[in-house]
Amino acid sequence: MSFSKMAQNVCTIKRPTKVVDPDGFGTMTEQAILSNVHCYREGRHGSEKWANLSTFSDVTDLFRLRVDPSIHITTNDLLYCGDECFRIYSVENIRGRGMYLEILATKVVPSVG
């Protein structure tokens, strides 16, 4: 894996939080920015690696990124790359060092209506 490719895209990781107004109604907002990181993004295509990931049928993109070990990224977080939003499907620690993460994500497409 080539980590030098991470200089191409800048992604923002946000954590959705629930905000309750004075009347008691809750709304979800993405207020907390966890990190802005350089990442490598690979879209789904017909390679051998994506054939092996066929069990993840909803996954549209794979991200590799380097993060601060004090930041804990979960599947509840959202990943923004440019003007696109991705819901994190899985997070894997590469080589067990806590420096590089491999994230499988699904692109969030707004509904028309």
Protein backbone atom coordinates (compact mmCIF):
# COMPACT_ATOMS: atom_id res chain seq x y z
CA MET A 1 0.00 0.00 0.00
CA SER A 2 1.36 3.39 -0.94
CA PHE A 3 0.79 6.00 1.75
CA SER A 4 2.20 8.75 -0.49
CA LYS A 5 -1.12 8.87 -2.35
CA MET A 6 -2.82 10.38 0.73
CA ALA A 7 -1.91 13.91 -0.33
CA GLN A 8 -4.64 14.00 -2.99
CA ASN A 9 -7.88 14.47 -1.06
CA VAL A 10 -8.77 16.31 2.12
CA CYS A 11 -11.58 14.73 4.11
CA THR A 12 -13.44 16.05 7.12
CA ILE A 13 -14.68 13.68 9.80
CA LYS A 14 -17.75 14.85 11.71
CA ARG A 15 -19.73 13.31 14.53
CA PRO A 16 -23.50 13.80 14.45
CA THR A 17 -24.91 15.08 17.72
CA LYS A 18 -28.48 15.36 18.94
CA VAL A 19 -29.53 18.87 19.96
CA VAL A 20 -32.70 19.31 22.04
CA ASP A 21 -34.54 22.63 21.77
CA PRO A 22 -36.37 24.23 24.74
CA ASP A 23 -39.62 22.53 23.71
CA GLY A 24 -38.01 19.08 23.98
CA PHE A 25 -37.75 18.29 20.26
CA GLY A 26 -34.45 16.77 19.17
CA THR A 27 -32.69 17.32 15.86
CA MET A 28 -29.51 15.75 14.53
CA THR A 29 -26.69 18.11 13.54
CA GLU A 30 -23.07 17.57 12.53
CA GLN A 31 -21.49 20.12 14.83
CA ALA A 32 -18.33 18.47 16.09
CA ILE A 33 -15.48 18.34 13.60
CA LEU A 34 -13.17 15.56 14.70
CA SER A 35 -10.43 16.07 12.16
CA ASN A 36 -9.43 17.33 8.73
CA VAL A 37 -7.14 14.72 7.20
CA HIS A 38 -5.43 13.90 3.95
CA CYS A 39 -6.71 10.62 2.60
CA TYR A 40 -6.56 8.24 -0.31
CA ARG A 41 -9.97 7.50 -1.83
CA GLU A 42 -10.71 4.51 -4.01
CA GLY A 43 -14.10 4.09 -5.62
CA ARG A 44 -15.74 0.73 -6.15
CA HIS A 45 -14.67 -0.98 -9.35
CA GLY A 46 -14.08 -4.47 -10.73
CA SER A 47 -10.68 -5.22 -9.21
CA GLU A 48 -9.81 -8.42 -7.35
CA LYS A 49 -9.82 -6.61 -4.02
CA TRP A 50 -13.37 -5.34 -4.50
CA ALA A 51 -14.45 -8.84 -5.58
CA ASN A 52 -13.19 -10.10 -2.22
CA LEU A 53 -15.21 -7.35 -0.49
CA SER A 54 -18.43 -8.46 -2.20
CA THR A 55 -20.06 -9.17 1.17
CA PHE A 56 -20.08 -5.42 1.76
CA SER A 57 -22.64 -4.80 -0.97
CA ASP A 58 -23.56 -1.30 0.24
CA VAL A 59 -19.99 -0.01 0.33
CA THR A 60 -19.15 2.44 -2.45
CA ASP A 61 -15.73 3.79 -1.43
CA LEU A 62 -12.60 2.83 0.46
CA PHE A 63 -10.60 5.49 2.31
CA ARG A 64 -7.10 5.20 3.76
CA LEU A 65 -6.06 7.97 6.11
CA ARG A 66 -3.65 8.86 8.87
CA VAL A 67 -5.20 10.23 12.03
CA ASP A 68 -4.18 11.34 15.48
CA PRO A 69 -4.28 8.25 17.76
CA SER A 70 -6.23 10.23 20.36
CA ILE A 71 -9.20 10.56 17.96
CA HIS A 72 -11.51 7.56 18.02
CA ILE A 73 -13.45 7.15 14.76
CA THR A 74 -16.55 4.96 14.88
CA THR A 75 -19.26 3.84 12.49
CA ASN A 76 -21.50 6.60 13.91
CA ASP A 77 -19.31 9.30 12.33
CA LEU A 78 -19.66 10.85 8.88
CA LEU A 79 -16.89 11.47 6.36
CA TYR A 80 -17.05 14.47 4.02
CA CYS A 81 -14.84 14.47 0.94
CA GLY A 82 -15.37 17.55 -1.18
CA ASP A 83 -19.11 18.08 -1.46
CA GLU A 84 -19.93 14.39 -0.94
CA CYS A 85 -20.99 12.78 2.34
CA PHE A 86 -20.19 9.20 3.33
CA ARG A 87 -21.60 7.06 6.16
CA ILE A 88 -18.83 4.95 7.68
CA TYR A 89 -19.52 1.23 7.39
CA SER A 90 -16.35 -0.15 9.02
CA VAL A 91 -13.08 1.15 10.46
CA GLU A 92 -9.94 -0.99 10.46
CA ASN A 93 -6.62 -0.21 12.09
CA ILE A 94 -3.91 -0.95 9.51
CA ARG A 95 -1.01 -2.99 10.89
CA GLY A 96 -2.21 -2.44 14.47
CA ARG A 97 -0.15 0.72 15.06
CA GLY A 98 -3.03 3.16 15.47
CA MET A 99 -1.62 5.55 12.87
CA TYR A 100 -3.38 4.53 9.66
CA LEU A 101 -7.03 3.61 9.22
CA GLU A 102 -8.86 1.91 6.39
CA ILE A 103 -12.48 2.98 6.21
CA LEU A 104 -15.21 1.39 4.12
CA ALA A 105 -17.99 3.88 3.50
CA THR A 106 -21.30 4.26 1.73
CA LYS A 107 -22.08 7.42 -0.18
CA VAL A 108 -25.11 9.24 1.21
CA VAL A 109 -27.46 10.24 -1.58
CA PRO A 110 -30.20 12.71 -0.60
CA SER A 111 -33.71 11.60 -1.42
CA VAL A 112 -35.76 13.60 -3.87
CA GLY A 113 -39.10 14.69 -2.57
